[in-house]
Amino acid sequence: MTLPLNGVRVLDLSRMLAGDYGAMIMGDMGAEIIKIEDPDEGDPLRKMPPHFLACESAYFLSINRNKKSMVLNLTKPEGQEVFYQLVKKSDVVFDNFRPGILKKLGADYETLCRHNPRIIACSISSYGDTGPYKDMPGFDLVIQALSGAMSITGEPGRDPVRMGIPMGDLAGSMFAAYAISAALYGREKTGRGSRIDLSMLDCLVSLLTYVGQYWFAGGGLPQHAGSGHASVVPYRAYKTKDGFITIAIFVEKFWGKLCEVVGRPELADDARYASTAMRLKNRTEVDMMLEERFASDTTEAWIKKLYKAGIPAAPVNTIDQVFANPQIQARNMQIEINHPKCGKYPMIGNPIKIDNEPDCLAVPPPLLGQHTEEILTQILEYTKTNIEQLKKEGII
């Protein structure tokens, strides 16, 4: 296999979603991920309720495939020495600790560079290494609130709500995988390592894109838009007889087709609705007409008509419907993992498809410390006597 990150070794000190998901992305792309965990309890997500498979947390299982687990006590000098030996033989050190924690663990960039000048160190934290908030704790909900994302999420006139998926955490993870990949490429050109300082808040703010630019342009403060769009009509969810359907008329050519499908062909040439700009001015009338029409039949019936006409539309799927969808199945977005404790179970697949390569290596999430001895013997060439001594001292 020649996946893009084959041959790259990552020492993963991260905990929780913001780090775990980013490391899994790199593992899916072929990197060797060595997840370094505390010998006593490991990653806190191993105990995250409410769902468990054979005592393994479903939350942990969802974001830790294609990794090895090594237990190592980094609070002791002996553990740090083992870590430094691994640093010398690795490409990346990845963490999501608050600034200052790495210094206490002896894993700050300056220390790492003394052991391996080519090392790439990537830190994800809530607010980054600078600024007045740098020492404050933060989780996804807090980041969504501070970033402005919550101020535009939810129905008009209602309380703000968090996005249903943890985009603060996930944005940090995805930017980390991207930044590390770029840094690895840069190192091939320069021979030098680098340090990457990622703020979850920065990452989510960057995803505001046009919403932020509208404010810069003097367009006023964006408000809750529900499933709607500030620039396009119709572009939202509508209730049917038995569910909800979304319509996205982002390109003008689809408006006339939609008018035909809903039985109002005369509206295609009506001056009040003939352009996106005019429909924005008459948003209420457009929405009322479509609400009335879509309520007259079932989601399935409307989807058949809309798809036949080539109109961008979709039902609002529940999670079970997502994984029963033929498009999701065709793209292998549900895979099967064979875990040593849990047996076979389904898991979300890898969205990155590369010609002539497997979609996902699909190595099951590791048991706590499962690969400790393998790593010590195969990478560091420790003897059994060395390993037993480290166990006796509580280092592994």
Protein backbone atom coordinates (compact mmCIF):
# COMPACT_ATOMS: atom_id res chain seq x y z
CA MET A 1 0.00 0.00 0.00
CA THR A 2 1.23 3.51 -0.81
CA LEU A 3 -1.07 5.73 1.21
CA PRO A 4 0.15 9.34 1.43
CA LEU A 5 1.41 9.16 5.02
CA ASN A 6 2.97 5.69 4.87
CA GLY A 7 6.28 5.74 6.75
CA VAL A 8 5.30 8.69 8.94
CA ARG A 9 5.44 8.00 12.69
CA VAL A 10 3.28 10.15 14.97
CA LEU A 11 3.56 10.21 18.75
CA ASP A 12 0.04 11.12 19.81
CA LEU A 13 -0.25 12.64 23.29
CA SER A 14 -3.73 13.99 22.67
CA ARG A 15 -6.85 13.26 24.63
CA MET A 16 -10.52 13.82 23.85
CA LEU A 17 -12.19 14.39 20.48
CA ALA A 18 -10.18 17.38 19.20
CA GLY A 19 -6.99 15.34 19.22
CA ASP A 20 -8.24 11.78 18.78
CA TYR A 21 -10.12 12.48 15.54
CA GLY A 22 -7.20 14.36 13.98
CA ALA A 23 -4.81 11.50 14.76
CA MET A 24 -7.30 8.99 13.30
CA ILE A 25 -7.44 10.95 10.03
CA MET A 26 -3.66 10.63 9.76
CA GLY A 27 -3.84 6.94 10.67
CA ASP A 28 -6.44 6.41 7.96
CA MET A 29 -3.96 7.93 5.52
CA GLY A 30 -1.25 5.45 6.44
CA ALA A 31 0.66 7.10 9.30
CA GLU A 32 1.80 4.96 12.23
CA ILE A 33 -0.01 6.51 15.19
CA ILE A 34 1.43 5.68 18.61
CA LYS A 35 -1.14 6.81 21.15
CA ILE A 36 0.73 7.44 24.41
CA GLU A 37 -1.56 7.06 27.41
CA ASP A 38 -1.30 7.26 31.17
CA PRO A 39 -0.70 3.74 32.62
CA ASP A 40 -3.54 4.02 35.14
CA GLU A 41 -6.60 5.10 33.13
CA GLY A 42 -5.52 6.13 29.64
CA ASP A 43 -7.60 8.43 27.45
CA PRO A 44 -10.66 9.63 29.45
CA LEU A 45 -12.86 8.85 26.45
CA ARG A 46 -12.35 5.14 27.13
CA LYS A 47 -14.95 5.60 29.90
CA MET A 48 -17.32 8.00 28.15
CA PRO A 49 -21.00 6.95 28.63
CA PRO A 50 -23.66 6.03 27.72
CA HIS A 51 -22.90 3.32 25.12
CA PHE A 52 -20.37 0.52 25.52
CA LEU A 53 -19.38 -2.59 23.54
CA ALA A 54 -17.77 -5.24 25.77
CA CYS A 55 -16.82 -2.48 28.25
CA GLU A 56 -15.27 -0.36 25.47
CA SER A 57 -16.83 3.10 25.09
CA ALA A 58 -18.58 3.60 21.74
CA TYR A 59 -17.34 7.20 21.80
CA PHE A 60 -13.72 6.02 22.10
CA LEU A 61 -14.18 3.34 19.45
CA SER A 62 -15.53 5.92 16.98
CA ILE A 63 -12.32 7.98 16.77
CA ASN A 64 -9.40 5.69 17.56
CA ARG A 65 -8.98 3.14 14.77
CA ASN A 66 -5.62 2.68 13.05
CA LYS A 67 -3.64 3.49 16.20
CA LYS A 68 -1.32 1.69 18.57
CA SER A 69 -1.58 2.23 22.34
CA MET A 70 1.47 2.58 24.52
CA VAL A 71 1.25 3.30 28.24
CA LEU A 72 3.99 5.60 29.52
CA ASN A 73 4.25 7.73 32.64
CA LEU A 74 5.51 11.08 31.39
CA THR A 75 5.47 12.62 34.86
CA LYS A 76 8.59 10.63 35.80
CA PRO A 77 12.08 11.26 34.35
CA GLU A 78 12.39 7.59 33.40
CA GLY A 79 9.22 7.83 31.34
CA GLN A 80 10.38 11.04 29.70
CA GLU A 81 13.64 9.34 28.73
CA VAL A 82 11.74 6.56 26.95
CA PHE A 83 9.66 9.22 25.23
CA TYR A 84 12.76 11.08 24.03
CA GLN A 85 14.13 7.89 22.52
CA LEU A 86 10.89 7.56 20.57
CA VAL A 87 11.05 11.22 19.52
CA LYS A 88 14.42 10.54 17.90
CA LYS A 89 12.76 7.90 15.70
CA SER A 90 9.52 9.77 14.95
CA ASP A 91 8.28 12.50 12.63
CA VAL A 92 5.49 14.19 14.56
CA VAL A 93 4.46 14.83 18.16
CA PHE A 94 0.79 15.71 18.43
CA ASP A 95 -1.08 16.97 21.52
CA ASN A 96 -4.13 18.92 22.65
CA PHE A 97 -2.97 20.13 26.06
CA ARG A 98 -3.38 23.65 27.38
CA PRO A 99 -0.26 25.82 27.02
CA GLY A 100 2.19 25.10 29.83
CA ILE A 101 1.32 21.43 30.31
CA LEU A 102 3.85 20.28 27.73
CA LYS A 103 6.64 22.11 29.57
CA LYS A 104 5.78 20.24 32.77
CA LEU A 105 5.88 16.93 30.89
CA GLY A 106 9.16 17.77 29.20
CA ALA A 107 7.46 17.60 25.82
CA ASP A 108 7.63 21.25 24.75
CA TYR A 109 8.97 22.02 21.29
CA GLU A 110 12.33 23.37 22.47
CA THR A 111 13.01 20.13 24.38
CA LEU A 112 11.84 17.96 21.49
CA CYS A 113 14.13 19.78 19.06
CA ARG A 114 17.16 18.98 21.18
CA HIS A 115 16.42 15.31 20.62
CA ASN A 116 15.25 15.59 16.99
CA PRO A 117 15.70 18.87 15.06
CA ARG A 118 13.47 17.50 12.28
CA ILE A 119 10.49 16.89 14.58
CA ILE A 120 7.14 18.48 13.75
CA ALA A 121 5.15 19.36 16.86
CA CYS A 122 1.46 20.19 16.54
CA SER A 123 -0.57 21.46 19.49
CA ILE A 124 -4.33 21.96 19.44
CA SER A 125 -5.74 23.97 22.33
CA SER A 126 -8.91 25.95 22.87
CA TYR A 127 -7.30 29.35 22.36
CA GLY A 128 -3.71 28.81 21.25
CA ASP A 129 -0.47 29.87 22.87
CA THR A 130 -1.07 33.61 22.81
CA GLY A 131 -3.77 36.06 23.80
CA PRO A 132 -5.64 36.77 27.03
CA TYR A 133 -7.61 33.48 26.95
CA LYS A 134 -4.61 31.18 26.42
CA ASP A 135 -4.73 29.64 29.91
CA MET A 136 -8.50 29.23 30.07
CA PRO A 137 -10.18 25.83 29.66
CA GLY A 138 -12.61 25.33 26.83
CA PHE A 139 -14.67 22.62 25.16
CA ASP A 140 -16.66 22.40 21.94
CA LEU A 141 -19.78 24.16 23.28
CA VAL A 142 -17.73 27.09 24.56
CA ILE A 143 -15.87 27.36 21.26
CA GLN A 144 -19.12 27.30 19.27
CA ALA A 145 -20.44 30.12 21.44
CA LEU A 146 -17.32 32.31 21.26
CA SER A 147 -16.85 31.80 17.52
CA GLY A 148 -20.25 33.24 16.66
CA ALA A 149 -21.43 29.91 15.24
CA MET A 150 -24.16 29.59 17.87
CA SER A 151 -25.44 33.09 17.17
CA ILE A 152 -26.51 31.99 13.69
CA THR A 153 -27.61 28.44 14.53
CA GLY A 154 -31.26 27.81 15.41
CA GLU A 155 -34.68 28.99 14.36
CA PRO A 156 -35.48 32.71 14.11
CA GLY A 157 -36.78 34.10 17.39
CA ARG A 158 -35.63 31.06 19.37
CA ASP A 159 -32.72 30.46 21.73
CA PRO A 160 -29.28 29.75 20.18
CA VAL A 161 -28.35 26.07 19.86
CA ARG A 162 -25.11 24.20 19.33
CA MET A 163 -24.57 22.42 16.04
CA GLY A 164 -25.54 18.78 16.28
CA ILE A 165 -21.97 17.66 15.58
CA PRO A 166 -19.04 19.08 17.60
CA MET A 167 -17.64 21.39 14.93
CA GLY A 168 -15.34 23.24 17.34
CA ASP A 169 -13.49 20.02 18.11
CA LEU A 170 -13.70 18.69 14.55
CA ALA A 171 -12.46 21.91 12.97
CA GLY A 172 -9.33 21.76 15.13
CA SER A 173 -8.78 18.11 14.21
CA MET A 174 -9.16 18.64 10.47
CA PHE A 175 -6.90 21.69 10.41
CA ALA A 176 -4.33 19.71 12.42
CA ALA A 177 -4.24 16.87 9.88
CA TYR A 178 -3.95 19.39 7.06
CA ALA A 179 -1.25 21.47 8.80
CA ILE A 180 0.85 18.43 9.75
CA SER A 181 0.69 17.10 6.20
CA ALA A 182 1.82 20.50 4.88
CA ALA A 183 4.62 20.66 7.46
CA LEU A 184 5.84 17.20 6.46
CA TYR A 185 5.99 18.33 2.84
CA GLY A 186 7.79 21.51 3.87
CA ARG A 187 10.34 19.50 5.81
CA GLU A 188 11.14 17.51 2.69
CA LYS A 189 12.05 20.81 1.01
CA THR A 190 13.96 22.46 3.88
CA GLY A 191 15.12 19.61 6.12
CA ARG A 192 13.75 21.50 9.13
CA GLY A 193 10.99 20.61 11.55
CA SER A 194 8.42 23.10 12.79
CA ARG A 195 5.91 23.84 15.49
CA ILE A 196 2.21 24.25 14.72
CA ASP A 197 0.05 26.21 17.18
CA LEU A 198 -3.65 25.61 16.49
CA SER A 199 -6.51 27.29 18.31
CA MET A 200 -9.92 25.59 18.08
CA LEU A 201 -11.45 29.05 18.29
CA ASP A 202 -9.35 30.31 15.38
CA CYS A 203 -10.26 27.25 13.32
CA LEU A 204 -14.00 27.63 13.82
CA VAL A 205 -13.88 31.41 13.25
CA SER A 206 -12.11 30.73 9.93
CA LEU A 207 -15.08 28.58 8.90
CA LEU A 208 -17.44 31.56 9.21
CA THR A 209 -16.25 32.43 5.66
CA TYR A 210 -18.96 34.47 3.88
CA VAL A 211 -20.93 35.02 7.08
CA GLY A 212 -18.03 36.96 8.55
CA GLN A 213 -17.39 38.72 5.26
CA TYR A 214 -21.00 39.90 5.11
CA TRP A 215 -20.45 41.63 8.44
CA PHE A 216 -17.15 43.16 7.23
CA ALA A 217 -19.03 44.45 4.22
CA GLY A 218 -21.46 46.30 6.47
CA GLY A 219 -24.38 43.96 6.04
CA GLY A 220 -25.44 44.00 9.68
CA LEU A 221 -25.26 41.21 12.22
CA PRO A 222 -26.28 37.79 10.86
CA GLN A 223 -29.25 36.28 12.68
CA HIS A 224 -30.63 32.78 13.26
CA ALA A 225 -31.72 31.50 9.88
CA GLY A 226 -32.92 28.02 10.79
CA SER A 227 -32.25 25.88 7.73
CA GLY A 228 -32.45 28.94 5.49
CA HIS A 229 -29.78 31.05 3.77
CA ALA A 230 -29.11 34.78 3.85
CA SER A 231 -28.48 34.97 0.11
CA VAL A 232 -30.68 32.33 -1.54
CA VAL A 233 -34.42 31.61 -1.75
CA PRO A 234 -35.65 28.90 -1.68
CA TYR A 235 -32.91 27.22 0.32
CA ARG A 236 -34.26 25.54 3.45
CA ALA A 237 -36.18 22.60 4.88
CA TYR A 238 -39.92 22.28 4.30
CA LYS A 239 -42.38 20.03 6.11
CA THR A 240 -44.07 17.27 4.13
CA LYS A 241 -46.94 15.00 5.15
CA ASP A 242 -44.58 12.69 7.02
CA GLY A 243 -41.23 14.42 7.44
CA PHE A 244 -39.03 17.16 6.07
CA ILE A 245 -37.43 17.86 2.72
CA THR A 246 -34.68 20.31 1.77
CA ILE A 247 -34.60 22.39 -1.40
CA ALA A 248 -31.46 24.23 -2.57
CA ILE A 249 -32.10 26.53 -5.55
CA PHE A 250 -28.58 27.96 -5.51
CA VAL A 251 -28.39 28.20 -9.31
CA GLU A 252 -31.06 30.09 -11.20
CA LYS A 253 -31.80 27.33 -13.75
CA PHE A 254 -33.41 25.18 -11.04
CA TRP A 255 -36.16 27.69 -10.17
CA GLY A 256 -38.21 27.04 -13.27
CA LYS A 257 -37.89 23.28 -12.83
CA LEU A 258 -39.07 23.56 -9.22
CA CYS A 259 -42.10 25.60 -10.27
CA GLU A 260 -43.03 22.82 -12.69
CA VAL A 261 -42.64 20.08 -10.06
CA VAL A 262 -44.80 21.83 -7.45
CA GLY A 263 -47.53 22.60 -9.99
CA ARG A 264 -46.97 26.36 -10.24
CA PRO A 265 -45.24 26.76 -13.64
CA GLU A 266 -46.54 30.32 -14.06
CA LEU A 267 -44.28 31.51 -11.20
CA ALA A 268 -41.14 30.82 -13.24
CA ASP A 269 -41.78 33.97 -15.31
CA ASP A 270 -43.41 36.04 -12.58
CA ALA A 271 -41.31 39.21 -12.20
CA ARG A 272 -41.62 38.99 -8.40
CA TYR A 273 -39.74 35.66 -8.33
CA ALA A 274 -37.75 35.56 -11.59
CA SER A 275 -34.33 36.08 -9.96
CA THR A 276 -32.58 35.29 -6.70
CA ALA A 277 -32.57 38.99 -5.79
CA MET A 278 -36.34 39.27 -6.33
CA ARG A 279 -37.06 36.08 -4.43
CA LEU A 280 -35.02 37.44 -1.50
CA LYS A 281 -37.29 40.49 -1.47
CA ASN A 282 -40.35 38.24 -1.54
CA ARG A 283 -39.01 35.43 0.65
CA THR A 284 -42.19 35.15 2.76
CA GLU A 285 -44.46 34.63 -0.27
CA VAL A 286 -42.13 32.04 -1.81
CA ASP A 287 -41.86 30.10 1.44
CA MET A 288 -45.60 30.18 2.08
CA MET A 289 -46.31 28.80 -1.40
CA LEU A 290 -43.77 26.00 -1.02
CA GLU A 291 -44.87 25.17 2.52
CA GLU A 292 -48.42 24.69 1.26
CA ARG A 293 -47.37 22.56 -1.70
CA PHE A 294 -44.92 20.28 0.13
CA ALA A 295 -47.38 19.64 2.97
CA SER A 296 -49.74 18.03 0.44
CA ASP A 297 -47.70 14.85 -0.14
CA THR A 298 -45.13 12.54 1.44
CA THR A 299 -41.37 13.00 1.51
CA GLU A 300 -40.83 9.94 -0.71
CA ALA A 301 -43.30 11.16 -3.32
CA TRP A 302 -41.71 14.59 -3.53
CA ILE A 303 -38.16 13.19 -3.65
CA LYS A 304 -39.03 11.01 -6.64
CA LYS A 305 -40.39 14.02 -8.54
CA LEU A 306 -37.53 16.32 -7.56
CA TYR A 307 -34.80 13.82 -8.41
CA LYS A 308 -36.43 13.05 -11.76
CA ALA A 309 -36.35 16.78 -12.55
CA GLY A 310 -32.71 17.02 -11.47
CA ILE A 311 -33.40 19.51 -8.67
CA PRO A 312 -30.98 19.72 -5.69
CA ALA A 313 -33.10 18.27 -2.90
CA ALA A 314 -32.95 15.69 -0.13
CA PRO A 315 -34.97 14.27 2.72
CA VAL A 316 -33.82 15.20 6.22
CA ASN A 317 -32.51 11.76 7.11
CA THR A 318 -32.35 10.27 10.56
CA ILE A 319 -29.09 8.50 11.39
CA ASP A 320 -30.51 5.04 10.58
CA GLN A 321 -31.64 6.34 7.19
CA VAL A 322 -28.19 7.76 6.52
CA PHE A 323 -26.50 4.35 6.70
CA ALA A 324 -29.30 2.69 4.70
CA ASN A 325 -28.82 5.24 1.90
CA PRO A 326 -27.50 3.64 -1.33
CA GLN A 327 -25.06 6.52 -1.95
CA ILE A 328 -23.48 6.09 1.50
CA GLN A 329 -23.28 2.34 0.96
CA ALA A 330 -21.75 2.73 -2.51
CA ARG A 331 -18.99 4.92 -1.07
CA ASN A 332 -18.12 2.47 1.75
CA MET A 333 -18.97 4.99 4.44
CA GLN A 334 -19.94 2.13 6.74
CA ILE A 335 -17.19 -0.39 7.33
CA GLU A 336 -16.78 -3.36 9.64
CA ILE A 337 -14.15 -3.59 12.35
CA ASN A 338 -13.08 -6.80 14.08
CA HIS A 339 -12.08 -5.86 17.63
CA PRO A 340 -10.29 -8.28 20.01
CA LYS A 341 -12.85 -7.65 22.78
CA CYS A 342 -15.94 -6.38 20.99
CA GLY A 343 -15.89 -8.71 18.01
CA LYS A 344 -17.22 -7.40 14.71
CA TYR A 345 -19.07 -4.09 14.72
CA PRO A 346 -19.88 -1.35 12.18
CA MET A 347 -18.02 1.96 12.05
CA ILE A 348 -18.10 5.11 9.94
CA GLY A 349 -15.73 4.83 6.97
CA ASN A 350 -13.00 7.08 5.62
CA PRO A 351 -14.24 9.85 3.27
CA ILE A 352 -10.89 10.13 1.48
CA LYS A 353 -10.81 7.93 -1.61
CA ILE A 354 -7.52 7.34 -3.46
CA ASP A 355 -7.25 5.42 -6.73
CA ASN A 356 -6.19 1.81 -6.31
CA GLU A 357 -5.88 2.11 -2.52
CA PRO A 358 -8.15 0.77 0.24
CA ASP A 359 -10.54 3.33 1.67
CA CYS A 360 -9.42 2.56 5.19
CA LEU A 361 -6.87 0.31 6.86
CA ALA A 362 -9.56 -0.56 9.43
CA VAL A 363 -7.26 -1.62 12.26
CA PRO A 364 -9.44 -1.71 15.40
CA PRO A 365 -9.01 0.85 18.17
CA PRO A 366 -6.34 -0.40 20.59
CA LEU A 367 -6.80 -1.74 24.07
CA LEU A 368 -5.05 0.34 26.71
CA GLY A 369 -1.33 -0.39 26.45
CA GLN A 370 -1.86 -3.10 23.85
CA HIS A 371 1.28 -2.22 21.89
CA THR A 372 3.62 -1.08 24.66
CA GLU A 373 5.96 -4.05 24.53
CA GLU A 374 5.84 -4.20 20.73
CA ILE A 375 6.95 -0.57 20.47
CA LEU A 376 9.68 -0.95 23.07
CA THR A 377 11.12 -4.08 21.49
CA GLN A 378 10.68 -3.31 17.78
CA ILE A 379 11.39 0.42 17.70
CA LEU A 380 13.67 0.95 20.71
CA GLU A 381 15.12 -2.59 20.85
CA TYR A 382 14.52 -2.96 24.60
CA THR A 383 15.13 -6.33 26.19
CA LYS A 384 12.61 -8.19 28.33
CA THR A 385 14.70 -7.27 31.37
CA ASN A 386 14.48 -3.57 30.49
CA ILE A 387 10.70 -3.85 30.07
CA GLU A 388 10.18 -5.68 33.35
CA GLN A 389 12.18 -3.00 35.16
CA LEU A 390 10.00 -0.26 33.66
CA LYS A 391 6.88 -2.12 34.77
CA LYS A 392 8.26 -2.50 38.28
CA GLU A 393 8.93 1.24 38.46
CA GLY A 394 5.44 2.13 37.23
CA ILE A 395 6.75 3.76 34.06
CA ILE A 396 4.73 1.53 31.73
